[in-house]
Amino acid sequence: MTLDDVLGTATPLIRRVDTILRTTGAPPDHAVWTELRRVRLLPGDAVHAVAALRPADLAEAPPDLQAAADTCTALAGSLPGPGEWAGEAAEAYDRTRLTVADQVSGTPDSLGSRLHATARLADSLITWMRDTQAKLAMTLVAALASVEAVALTGNAASLASDDEIEAAAKLASQILQVVGDAYDQADDLVRASRELRVAA
């Protein structure tokens, strides 16, 4: 079951959780406060932010980037040497040829290497988006089947009871932990790509 599949069913429960957090809060020492500080979003906004990720939109990027990198490799290898040409001009040409070849492909800072690195980053982002959405979908399915969900199916307009406040805090903490962990993973990807961005 995908996140899009479960989101419609889970939305009323998430709204109830959001309403209780916004109007009543949570127990002072509850773990949800740590997750709220980490994510800085209520569960509803956090869930919809993850649902808005579209890994399919990046699907064509990795093969296109790899193809461009392969073209750079072929181009670098096709630059003709001086052949029978000799002398200072031939030596200057050959130095320039080798420099251009290195800039196009063959060194860590070359265009081809950056294209390969960008392709790997795109692959990693696609995997991250899909994994994050799958984990959040499983979390929402579990939330819908939980005793906390049962506790929150009462009159949404009524003042939340202590049991409802506790239930909302627990579900919010579970949802936000998944999103917060995903944020940390995304931050790792960004950090790993820092050299690529600086070099570009």
N, C-alpha and C. Protein backbone atom coordinates (compact mmCIF):
# COMPACT_ATOMS: atom_id res chain seq x y z
N MET A 1 0.84 -1.19 0.00
CA MET A 1 0.00 0.00 0.00
C MET A 1 0.88 1.25 0.00
N THR A 2 0.60 2.16 -0.93
CA THR A 2 1.41 3.37 -1.03
C THR A 2 0.90 4.45 -0.09
N LEU A 3 1.71 5.49 0.09
CA LEU A 3 1.30 6.60 0.94
C LEU A 3 0.05 7.27 0.38
N ASP A 4 -0.02 7.44 -0.93
CA ASP A 4 -1.20 8.03 -1.54
C ASP A 4 -2.45 7.20 -1.25
N ASP A 5 -2.28 5.87 -1.23
CA ASP A 5 -3.42 4.98 -0.97
C ASP A 5 -3.97 5.17 0.44
N VAL A 6 -3.09 5.31 1.42
CA VAL A 6 -3.51 5.35 2.81
C VAL A 6 -3.84 6.76 3.29
N LEU A 7 -3.38 7.77 2.58
CA LEU A 7 -3.50 9.14 3.06
C LEU A 7 -4.95 9.58 3.22
N GLY A 8 -5.81 9.24 2.27
CA GLY A 8 -7.21 9.63 2.37
C GLY A 8 -7.88 9.08 3.61
N THR A 9 -7.60 7.83 3.91
CA THR A 9 -8.20 7.20 5.09
C THR A 9 -7.62 7.77 6.38
N ALA A 10 -6.34 8.10 6.34
CA ALA A 10 -5.66 8.56 7.56
C ALA A 10 -5.87 10.04 7.85
N THR A 11 -6.29 10.81 6.86
CA THR A 11 -6.37 12.26 7.03
C THR A 11 -7.26 12.71 8.19
N PRO A 12 -8.47 12.16 8.38
CA PRO A 12 -9.28 12.59 9.53
C PRO A 12 -8.58 12.35 10.87
N LEU A 13 -7.89 11.22 11.00
CA LEU A 13 -7.17 10.93 12.24
C LEU A 13 -6.03 11.92 12.44
N ILE A 14 -5.29 12.21 11.38
CA ILE A 14 -4.18 13.15 11.49
C ILE A 14 -4.69 14.55 11.85
N ARG A 15 -5.83 14.94 11.27
CA ARG A 15 -6.41 16.25 11.60
C ARG A 15 -6.78 16.32 13.08
N ARG A 16 -7.33 15.23 13.59
CA ARG A 16 -7.70 15.20 15.01
C ARG A 16 -6.46 15.33 15.89
N VAL A 17 -5.40 14.64 15.50
CA VAL A 17 -4.14 14.73 16.24
C VAL A 17 -3.63 16.17 16.20
N ASP A 18 -3.64 16.78 15.03
CA ASP A 18 -3.18 18.16 14.89
C ASP A 18 -4.00 19.11 15.76
N THR A 19 -5.32 18.92 15.75
CA THR A 19 -6.20 19.81 16.51
C THR A 19 -5.90 19.74 18.00
N ILE A 20 -5.71 18.52 18.49
CA ILE A 20 -5.42 18.36 19.93
C ILE A 20 -4.07 18.98 20.27
N LEU A 21 -3.08 18.75 19.45
CA LEU A 21 -1.76 19.34 19.71
C LEU A 21 -1.83 20.87 19.68
N ARG A 22 -2.59 21.39 18.75
CA ARG A 22 -2.66 22.85 18.58
C ARG A 22 -3.46 23.52 19.70
N THR A 23 -4.52 22.87 20.12
CA THR A 23 -5.42 23.52 21.10
C THR A 23 -5.16 23.11 22.53
N THR A 24 -4.69 21.88 22.74
CA THR A 24 -4.52 21.35 24.10
C THR A 24 -3.08 21.07 24.45
N GLY A 25 -2.27 20.75 23.44
CA GLY A 25 -0.88 20.41 23.70
C GLY A 25 -0.70 18.94 23.96
N ALA A 26 0.32 18.62 24.72
CA ALA A 26 0.67 17.23 25.03
C ALA A 26 1.23 17.20 26.45
N PRO A 27 1.30 16.01 27.05
CA PRO A 27 1.92 15.92 28.39
C PRO A 27 3.33 16.53 28.38
N PRO A 28 3.70 17.25 29.43
CA PRO A 28 4.95 18.03 29.44
C PRO A 28 6.21 17.25 29.09
N ASP A 29 6.30 16.02 29.56
CA ASP A 29 7.52 15.24 29.36
C ASP A 29 7.42 14.26 28.20
N HIS A 30 6.42 14.41 27.38
CA HIS A 30 6.21 13.43 26.30
C HIS A 30 7.26 13.59 25.20
N ALA A 31 7.61 12.48 24.59
CA ALA A 31 8.62 12.46 23.51
C ALA A 31 8.20 13.28 22.30
N VAL A 32 6.90 13.56 22.17
CA VAL A 32 6.44 14.31 21.01
C VAL A 32 7.06 15.70 20.94
N TRP A 33 7.39 16.29 22.09
CA TRP A 33 7.99 17.62 22.08
C TRP A 33 9.36 17.60 21.40
N THR A 34 10.11 16.55 21.64
CA THR A 34 11.42 16.42 20.97
C THR A 34 11.24 16.33 19.47
N GLU A 35 10.24 15.54 19.03
CA GLU A 35 10.02 15.38 17.59
C GLU A 35 9.47 16.65 16.96
N LEU A 36 8.63 17.38 17.69
CA LEU A 36 8.11 18.65 17.17
C LEU A 36 9.24 19.67 16.99
N ARG A 37 10.16 19.70 17.94
CA ARG A 37 11.29 20.62 17.81
C ARG A 37 12.19 20.21 16.65
N ARG A 38 12.30 18.92 16.42
CA ARG A 38 13.18 18.44 15.35
C ARG A 38 12.58 18.71 13.98
N VAL A 39 11.30 18.41 13.81
CA VAL A 39 10.66 18.53 12.50
C VAL A 39 10.10 19.93 12.26
N ARG A 40 9.64 20.57 13.33
CA ARG A 40 9.07 21.93 13.26
C ARG A 40 7.83 22.00 12.40
N LEU A 41 7.10 20.91 12.35
CA LEU A 41 5.82 20.86 11.67
C LEU A 41 4.86 20.00 12.49
N LEU A 42 3.57 20.30 12.40
CA LEU A 42 2.58 19.39 12.96
C LEU A 42 2.50 18.15 12.07
N PRO A 43 2.01 17.04 12.61
CA PRO A 43 1.98 15.81 11.81
C PRO A 43 1.31 15.95 10.45
N GLY A 44 0.19 16.69 10.40
CA GLY A 44 -0.51 16.84 9.12
C GLY A 44 0.36 17.48 8.05
N ASP A 45 1.02 18.58 8.41
CA ASP A 45 1.89 19.25 7.44
C ASP A 45 3.08 18.37 7.07
N ALA A 46 3.62 17.65 8.06
CA ALA A 46 4.77 16.78 7.80
C ALA A 46 4.39 15.65 6.84
N VAL A 47 3.23 15.05 7.07
CA VAL A 47 2.77 13.95 6.21
C VAL A 47 2.54 14.45 4.79
N HIS A 48 1.91 15.60 4.65
CA HIS A 48 1.63 16.11 3.30
C HIS A 48 2.92 16.55 2.58
N ALA A 49 3.91 16.99 3.33
CA ALA A 49 5.20 17.33 2.71
C ALA A 49 5.85 16.09 2.12
N VAL A 50 5.78 14.98 2.85
CA VAL A 50 6.34 13.72 2.34
C VAL A 50 5.51 13.20 1.17
N ALA A 51 4.19 13.33 1.27
CA ALA A 51 3.32 12.87 0.19
C ALA A 51 3.56 13.66 -1.10
N ALA A 52 4.03 14.90 -0.96
CA ALA A 52 4.26 15.74 -2.14
C ALA A 52 5.52 15.36 -2.90
N LEU A 53 6.38 14.53 -2.30
CA LEU A 53 7.59 14.09 -3.00
C LEU A 53 7.20 13.27 -4.22
N ARG A 54 7.88 13.50 -5.33
CA ARG A 54 7.55 12.79 -6.57
C ARG A 54 8.81 12.14 -7.16
N PRO A 55 9.16 10.96 -6.65
CA PRO A 55 10.38 10.30 -7.16
C PRO A 55 10.32 10.00 -8.65
N ALA A 56 9.13 9.79 -9.19
CA ALA A 56 9.02 9.49 -10.62
C ALA A 56 9.51 10.64 -11.48
N ASP A 57 9.42 11.87 -10.95
CA ASP A 57 9.87 13.02 -11.73
C ASP A 57 11.39 13.02 -11.96
N LEU A 58 12.12 12.27 -11.12
CA LEU A 58 13.58 12.19 -11.25
C LEU A 58 14.04 10.92 -11.97
N ALA A 59 13.09 10.07 -12.32
CA ALA A 59 13.45 8.73 -12.80
C ALA A 59 14.34 8.76 -14.03
N GLU A 60 14.14 9.74 -14.91
CA GLU A 60 14.93 9.77 -16.15
C GLU A 60 16.29 10.43 -15.96
N ALA A 61 16.49 11.11 -14.84
CA ALA A 61 17.74 11.85 -14.65
C ALA A 61 18.98 10.95 -14.57
N PRO A 62 19.00 9.89 -13.74
CA PRO A 62 20.23 9.09 -13.64
C PRO A 62 20.72 8.51 -14.97
N PRO A 63 19.85 7.85 -15.77
CA PRO A 63 20.38 7.32 -17.04
C PRO A 63 20.84 8.42 -18.00
N ASP A 64 20.13 9.56 -18.01
CA ASP A 64 20.55 10.66 -18.88
C ASP A 64 21.92 11.20 -18.46
N LEU A 65 22.12 11.34 -17.15
CA LEU A 65 23.39 11.84 -16.64
C LEU A 65 24.52 10.85 -16.91
N GLN A 66 24.23 9.56 -16.74
CA GLN A 66 25.24 8.54 -17.02
C GLN A 66 25.62 8.54 -18.50
N ALA A 67 24.61 8.72 -19.35
CA ALA A 67 24.89 8.77 -20.79
C ALA A 67 25.76 9.97 -21.13
N ALA A 68 25.49 11.11 -20.49
CA ALA A 68 26.30 12.30 -20.73
C ALA A 68 27.73 12.09 -20.23
N ALA A 69 27.87 11.41 -19.09
CA ALA A 69 29.21 11.12 -18.57
C ALA A 69 29.97 10.19 -19.51
N ASP A 70 29.28 9.20 -20.06
CA ASP A 70 29.92 8.28 -21.01
C ASP A 70 30.36 9.04 -22.27
N THR A 71 29.56 10.01 -22.68
CA THR A 71 29.92 10.83 -23.84
C THR A 71 31.21 11.61 -23.56
N CYS A 72 31.32 12.12 -22.32
CA CYS A 72 32.54 12.84 -21.94
C CYS A 72 33.76 11.93 -22.01
N THR A 73 33.60 10.69 -21.54
CA THR A 73 34.70 9.73 -21.58
C THR A 73 35.12 9.45 -23.03
N ALA A 74 34.11 9.25 -23.88
CA ALA A 74 34.40 8.99 -25.30
C ALA A 74 35.07 10.19 -25.96
N LEU A 75 34.58 11.38 -25.61
CA LEU A 75 35.16 12.59 -26.20
C LEU A 75 36.61 12.78 -25.78
N ALA A 76 36.88 12.57 -24.49
CA ALA A 76 38.25 12.73 -23.99
C ALA A 76 39.20 11.76 -24.68
N GLY A 77 38.71 10.55 -24.92
CA GLY A 77 39.54 9.55 -25.57
C GLY A 77 39.71 9.75 -27.06
N SER A 78 38.85 10.59 -27.66
CA SER A 78 38.89 10.76 -29.11
C SER A 78 39.74 11.95 -29.56
N LEU A 79 40.21 12.74 -28.61
CA LEU A 79 41.02 13.89 -29.00
C LEU A 79 42.33 13.40 -29.62
N PRO A 80 42.60 13.77 -30.83
CA PRO A 80 43.77 13.20 -31.54
C PRO A 80 45.09 13.76 -31.01
N GLY A 81 46.07 12.88 -30.91
CA GLY A 81 47.41 13.30 -30.53
C GLY A 81 48.11 13.99 -31.69
N PRO A 82 49.32 14.49 -31.45
CA PRO A 82 50.04 15.21 -32.51
C PRO A 82 50.50 14.32 -33.67
N GLY A 83 50.50 13.01 -33.47
CA GLY A 83 50.90 12.11 -34.56
C GLY A 83 52.34 12.37 -34.99
N GLU A 84 52.52 12.59 -36.27
CA GLU A 84 53.87 12.82 -36.80
C GLU A 84 54.31 14.27 -36.63
N TRP A 85 53.39 15.10 -36.19
CA TRP A 85 53.71 16.51 -35.97
C TRP A 85 54.69 16.62 -34.81
N ALA A 86 55.76 17.40 -34.96
CA ALA A 86 56.79 17.51 -33.93
C ALA A 86 57.17 18.97 -33.73
N GLY A 87 57.88 19.19 -32.64
CA GLY A 87 58.35 20.55 -32.36
C GLY A 87 57.58 21.17 -31.20
N GLU A 88 57.92 22.45 -30.95
CA GLU A 88 57.32 23.14 -29.80
C GLU A 88 55.81 23.27 -29.94
N ALA A 89 55.35 23.57 -31.14
CA ALA A 89 53.91 23.73 -31.36
C ALA A 89 53.18 22.41 -31.10
N ALA A 90 53.79 21.30 -31.53
CA ALA A 90 53.18 19.99 -31.31
C ALA A 90 53.13 19.67 -29.82
N GLU A 91 54.20 20.01 -29.12
CA GLU A 91 54.23 19.76 -27.68
C GLU A 91 53.20 20.62 -26.95
N ALA A 92 53.06 21.87 -27.36
CA ALA A 92 52.07 22.75 -26.75
C ALA A 92 50.66 22.23 -27.02
N TYR A 93 50.43 21.78 -28.26
CA TYR A 93 49.12 21.22 -28.59
C TYR A 93 48.82 20.00 -27.73
N ASP A 94 49.83 19.11 -27.56
CA ASP A 94 49.59 17.88 -26.81
C ASP A 94 49.31 18.18 -25.34
N ARG A 95 50.01 19.18 -24.78
CA ARG A 95 49.73 19.57 -23.39
C ARG A 95 48.29 20.07 -23.26
N THR A 96 47.89 20.89 -24.23
CA THR A 96 46.52 21.42 -24.21
C THR A 96 45.50 20.29 -24.37
N ARG A 97 45.82 19.36 -25.26
CA ARG A 97 44.92 18.22 -25.49
C ARG A 97 44.73 17.42 -24.21
N LEU A 98 45.82 17.14 -23.51
CA LEU A 98 45.74 16.36 -22.28
C LEU A 98 45.00 17.12 -21.18
N THR A 99 45.23 18.44 -21.14
CA THR A 99 44.53 19.26 -20.15
C THR A 99 43.02 19.23 -20.40
N VAL A 100 42.65 19.40 -21.66
CA VAL A 100 41.22 19.36 -22.01
C VAL A 100 40.63 17.99 -21.70
N ALA A 101 41.37 16.93 -22.01
CA ALA A 101 40.88 15.58 -21.74
C ALA A 101 40.64 15.38 -20.24
N ASP A 102 41.57 15.89 -19.42
CA ASP A 102 41.40 15.77 -17.97
C ASP A 102 40.20 16.58 -17.47
N GLN A 103 39.95 17.73 -18.08
CA GLN A 103 38.82 18.55 -17.68
C GLN A 103 37.49 17.91 -18.07
N VAL A 104 37.53 17.16 -19.17
CA VAL A 104 36.30 16.53 -19.65
C VAL A 104 36.05 15.20 -18.94
N SER A 105 37.11 14.42 -18.71
CA SER A 105 36.93 13.09 -18.10
C SER A 105 38.26 12.60 -17.55
N GLY A 106 38.18 11.82 -16.47
CA GLY A 106 39.39 11.15 -16.00
C GLY A 106 39.92 11.63 -14.67
N THR A 107 39.49 12.81 -14.20
CA THR A 107 39.92 13.29 -12.88
C THR A 107 38.69 13.51 -12.01
N PRO A 108 38.86 13.55 -10.68
CA PRO A 108 37.71 13.73 -9.79
C PRO A 108 36.93 15.02 -10.05
N ASP A 109 37.62 16.06 -10.55
CA ASP A 109 36.94 17.34 -10.79
C ASP A 109 36.47 17.49 -12.23
N SER A 110 36.64 16.48 -13.05
CA SER A 110 36.27 16.60 -14.46
C SER A 110 34.75 16.62 -14.61
N LEU A 111 34.32 17.10 -15.78
CA LEU A 111 32.90 17.16 -16.08
C LEU A 111 32.27 15.77 -16.02
N GLY A 112 32.95 14.78 -16.58
CA GLY A 112 32.42 13.42 -16.57
C GLY A 112 32.26 12.88 -15.16
N SER A 113 33.25 13.13 -14.30
CA SER A 113 33.16 12.66 -12.91
C SER A 113 32.01 13.32 -12.18
N ARG A 114 31.82 14.62 -12.43
CA ARG A 114 30.71 15.33 -11.78
C ARG A 114 29.36 14.81 -12.27
N LEU A 115 29.30 14.49 -13.55
CA LEU A 115 28.05 13.93 -14.08
C LEU A 115 27.75 12.56 -13.46
N HIS A 116 28.79 11.73 -13.31
CA HIS A 116 28.60 10.43 -12.64
C HIS A 116 28.13 10.64 -11.20
N ALA A 117 28.76 11.59 -10.49
CA ALA A 117 28.38 11.86 -9.10
C ALA A 117 26.95 12.40 -9.00
N THR A 118 26.57 13.23 -9.95
CA THR A 118 25.20 13.76 -9.95
C THR A 118 24.19 12.65 -10.23
N ALA A 119 24.55 11.72 -11.09
CA ALA A 119 23.67 10.57 -11.36
C ALA A 119 23.49 9.73 -10.10
N ARG A 120 24.59 9.51 -9.38
CA ARG A 120 24.49 8.74 -8.13
C ARG A 120 23.63 9.47 -7.11
N LEU A 121 23.78 10.80 -7.04
CA LEU A 121 22.96 11.58 -6.12
C LEU A 121 21.49 11.48 -6.49
N ALA A 122 21.18 11.58 -7.77
CA ALA A 122 19.78 11.46 -8.21
C ALA A 122 19.22 10.10 -7.85
N ASP A 123 20.01 9.04 -8.06
CA ASP A 123 19.58 7.69 -7.66
C ASP A 123 19.30 7.63 -6.16
N SER A 124 20.19 8.22 -5.37
CA SER A 124 20.03 8.21 -3.92
C SER A 124 18.78 8.97 -3.49
N LEU A 125 18.52 10.09 -4.15
CA LEU A 125 17.32 10.88 -3.83
C LEU A 125 16.04 10.11 -4.17
N ILE A 126 16.05 9.43 -5.30
CA ILE A 126 14.88 8.62 -5.67
C ILE A 126 14.63 7.54 -4.62
N THR A 127 15.69 6.84 -4.24
CA THR A 127 15.56 5.80 -3.22
C THR A 127 15.09 6.38 -1.89
N TRP A 128 15.65 7.53 -1.51
CA TRP A 128 15.25 8.19 -0.26
C TRP A 128 13.77 8.55 -0.27
N MET A 129 13.31 9.13 -1.36
CA MET A 129 11.90 9.52 -1.44
C MET A 129 10.99 8.30 -1.35
N ARG A 130 11.32 7.26 -2.09
CA ARG A 130 10.47 6.06 -2.08
C ARG A 130 10.47 5.39 -0.71
N ASP A 131 11.65 5.27 -0.10
CA ASP A 131 11.74 4.64 1.22
C ASP A 131 10.99 5.45 2.27
N THR A 132 11.13 6.77 2.22
CA THR A 132 10.46 7.63 3.19
C THR A 132 8.95 7.50 3.07
N GLN A 133 8.45 7.52 1.86
CA GLN A 133 7.00 7.40 1.67
C GLN A 133 6.51 6.02 2.10
N ALA A 134 7.28 4.98 1.83
CA ALA A 134 6.87 3.63 2.23
C ALA A 134 6.84 3.49 3.75
N LYS A 135 7.87 4.01 4.43
CA LYS A 135 7.91 3.93 5.89
C LYS A 135 6.77 4.72 6.52
N LEU A 136 6.49 5.89 5.96
CA LEU A 136 5.40 6.69 6.51
C LEU A 136 4.05 6.02 6.26
N ALA A 137 3.89 5.40 5.10
CA ALA A 137 2.64 4.68 4.82
C ALA A 137 2.43 3.56 5.83
N MET A 138 3.49 2.79 6.13
CA MET A 138 3.37 1.71 7.12
C MET A 138 3.04 2.26 8.50
N THR A 139 3.63 3.41 8.84
CA THR A 139 3.36 4.03 10.14
C THR A 139 1.90 4.45 10.23
N LEU A 140 1.36 5.01 9.15
CA LEU A 140 -0.05 5.44 9.16
C LEU A 140 -1.00 4.25 9.21
N VAL A 141 -0.66 3.18 8.52
CA VAL A 141 -1.49 1.97 8.58
C VAL A 141 -1.54 1.44 10.02
N ALA A 142 -0.36 1.41 10.66
CA ALA A 142 -0.32 0.96 12.06
C ALA A 142 -1.10 1.90 12.96
N ALA A 143 -1.02 3.20 12.68
CA ALA A 143 -1.75 4.18 13.49
C ALA A 143 -3.26 3.98 13.38
N LEU A 144 -3.72 3.72 12.16
CA LEU A 144 -5.16 3.52 11.94
C LEU A 144 -5.70 2.29 12.68
N ALA A 145 -4.84 1.31 12.87
CA ALA A 145 -5.26 0.07 13.54
C ALA A 145 -4.98 0.08 15.04
N SER A 146 -4.52 1.21 15.57
CA SER A 146 -4.07 1.26 16.97
C SER A 146 -5.21 1.60 17.92
N VAL A 147 -4.96 1.31 19.20
CA VAL A 147 -5.94 1.68 20.24
C VAL A 147 -6.02 3.19 20.37
N GLU A 148 -4.94 3.87 20.03
CA GLU A 148 -4.95 5.34 20.07
C GLU A 148 -5.94 5.90 19.05
N ALA A 149 -6.00 5.28 17.88
CA ALA A 149 -6.97 5.72 16.87
C ALA A 149 -8.39 5.55 17.36
N VAL A 150 -8.64 4.44 18.04
CA VAL A 150 -9.97 4.21 18.62
C VAL A 150 -10.31 5.29 19.63
N ALA A 151 -9.33 5.65 20.45
CA ALA A 151 -9.55 6.68 21.48
C ALA A 151 -9.85 8.04 20.87
N LEU A 152 -9.42 8.26 19.63
CA LEU A 152 -9.58 9.57 19.01
C LEU A 152 -10.77 9.64 18.04
N THR A 153 -11.61 8.62 18.03
CA THR A 153 -12.74 8.60 17.09
C THR A 153 -13.99 9.22 17.69
N GLY A 154 -13.87 9.86 18.83
CA GLY A 154 -15.04 10.50 19.45
C GLY A 154 -15.39 11.80 18.77
N ASN A 155 -16.17 12.60 19.44
CA ASN A 155 -16.62 13.89 18.91
C ASN A 155 -15.42 14.84 18.78
N ALA A 156 -15.09 15.18 17.56
CA ALA A 156 -13.91 16.04 17.33
C ALA A 156 -14.12 17.45 17.87
N ALA A 157 -15.37 17.82 18.09
CA ALA A 157 -15.63 19.17 18.58
C ALA A 157 -15.54 19.26 20.10
N SER A 158 -15.51 18.12 20.77
CA SER A 158 -15.50 18.13 22.23
C SER A 158 -14.09 18.41 22.76
N LEU A 159 -14.03 18.84 24.01
CA LEU A 159 -12.74 19.07 24.65
C LEU A 159 -12.03 17.73 24.83
N ALA A 160 -10.78 17.68 24.45
CA ALA A 160 -10.04 16.42 24.51
C ALA A 160 -9.84 15.97 25.95
N SER A 161 -10.06 14.68 26.17
CA SER A 161 -9.81 14.09 27.48
C SER A 161 -8.32 13.81 27.65
N ASP A 162 -7.93 13.45 28.85
CA ASP A 162 -6.53 13.10 29.10
C ASP A 162 -6.09 11.92 28.24
N ASP A 163 -6.99 10.94 28.09
CA ASP A 163 -6.66 9.77 27.26
C ASP A 163 -6.48 10.17 25.80
N GLU A 164 -7.32 11.08 25.33
CA GLU A 164 -7.19 11.54 23.94
C GLU A 164 -5.91 12.34 23.73
N ILE A 165 -5.57 13.16 24.71
CA ILE A 165 -4.32 13.94 24.62
C ILE A 165 -3.12 13.00 24.56
N GLU A 166 -3.13 11.99 25.39
CA GLU A 166 -2.03 11.02 25.40
C GLU A 166 -1.97 10.26 24.08
N ALA A 167 -3.16 9.87 23.57
CA ALA A 167 -3.21 9.13 22.31
C ALA A 167 -2.71 10.00 21.15
N ALA A 168 -3.13 11.25 21.13
CA ALA A 168 -2.69 12.15 20.06
C ALA A 168 -1.18 12.36 20.11
N ALA A 169 -0.66 12.53 21.31
CA ALA A 169 0.78 12.75 21.47
C ALA A 169 1.57 11.53 21.00
N LYS A 170 1.07 10.34 21.31
CA LYS A 170 1.79 9.12 20.92
C LYS A 170 1.81 8.96 19.40
N LEU A 171 0.65 9.15 18.76
CA LEU A 171 0.60 9.01 17.31
C LEU A 171 1.43 10.09 16.63
N ALA A 172 1.35 11.31 17.15
CA ALA A 172 2.16 12.39 16.57
C ALA A 172 3.64 12.09 16.68
N SER A 173 4.05 11.55 17.82
CA SER A 173 5.46 11.23 18.02
C SER A 173 5.93 10.17 17.02
N GLN A 174 5.09 9.16 16.79
CA GLN A 174 5.45 8.10 15.86
C GLN A 174 5.57 8.62 14.43
N ILE A 175 4.61 9.46 14.04
CA ILE A 175 4.63 10.01 12.69
C ILE A 175 5.83 10.93 12.50
N LEU A 176 6.03 11.82 13.45
CA LEU A 176 7.11 12.81 13.33
C LEU A 176 8.49 12.17 13.42
N GLN A 177 8.60 11.06 14.15
CA GLN A 177 9.89 10.38 14.23
C GLN A 177 10.30 9.85 12.86
N VAL A 178 9.34 9.29 12.12
CA VAL A 178 9.63 8.80 10.77
C VAL A 178 10.09 9.95 9.88
N VAL A 179 9.36 11.07 9.95
CA VAL A 179 9.71 12.21 9.12
C VAL A 179 11.05 12.82 9.56
N GLY A 180 11.26 12.91 10.87
CA GLY A 180 12.52 13.45 11.37
C GLY A 180 13.71 12.60 10.97
N ASP A 181 13.55 11.29 11.05
CA ASP A 181 14.64 10.40 10.62
C ASP A 181 14.92 10.58 9.13
N ALA A 182 13.85 10.77 8.36
CA ALA A 182 14.03 11.00 6.92
C ALA A 182 14.75 12.32 6.67
N TYR A 183 14.42 13.34 7.44
CA TYR A 183 15.14 14.61 7.33
C TYR A 183 16.64 14.41 7.56
N ASP A 184 16.96 13.63 8.59
CA ASP A 184 18.37 13.39 8.89
C ASP A 184 19.07 12.68 7.72
N GLN A 185 18.38 11.72 7.13
CA GLN A 185 18.95 11.01 5.99
C GLN A 185 19.15 11.95 4.80
N ALA A 186 18.18 12.83 4.57
CA ALA A 186 18.30 13.81 3.48
C ALA A 186 19.47 14.75 3.74
N ASP A 187 19.65 15.13 5.01
CA ASP A 187 20.77 16.00 5.35
C ASP A 187 22.10 15.31 5.06
N ASP A 188 22.17 14.01 5.33
CA ASP A 188 23.38 13.25 5.01
C ASP A 188 23.66 13.26 3.51
N LEU A 189 22.60 13.14 2.71
CA LEU A 189 22.77 13.17 1.25
C LEU A 189 23.29 14.52 0.79
N VAL A 190 22.73 15.59 1.38
CA VAL A 190 23.18 16.93 1.01
C VAL A 190 24.65 17.13 1.38
N ARG A 191 25.02 16.67 2.59
CA ARG A 191 26.41 16.80 3.02
C ARG A 191 27.34 16.01 2.10
N ALA A 192 26.90 14.83 1.69
CA ALA A 192 27.72 13.99 0.81
C ALA A 192 27.92 14.63 -0.56
N SER A 193 26.97 15.48 -0.95
CA SER A 193 27.06 16.12 -2.28
C SER A 193 27.72 17.49 -2.22
N ARG A 194 28.20 17.89 -1.05
CA ARG A 194 28.76 19.24 -0.89
C ARG A 194 29.94 19.48 -1.83
N GLU A 195 30.85 18.51 -1.93
CA GLU A 195 32.00 18.68 -2.82
C GLU A 195 31.56 18.84 -4.26
N LEU A 196 30.52 18.10 -4.63
CA LEU A 196 30.01 18.20 -6.00
C LEU A 196 29.49 19.61 -6.25
N ARG A 197 28.76 20.17 -5.29
CA ARG A 197 28.19 21.51 -5.46
C ARG A 197 29.28 22.57 -5.49
N VAL A 198 30.29 22.43 -4.64
CA VAL A 198 31.38 23.40 -4.64
C VAL A 198 32.17 23.34 -5.94
N ALA A 199 32.43 22.11 -6.41
CA ALA A 199 33.20 21.96 -7.65
C ALA A 199 32.45 22.54 -8.83
N ALA A 200 31.12 22.42 -8.79
CA ALA A 200 30.32 22.93 -9.92
C ALA A 200 30.31 24.44 -9.94
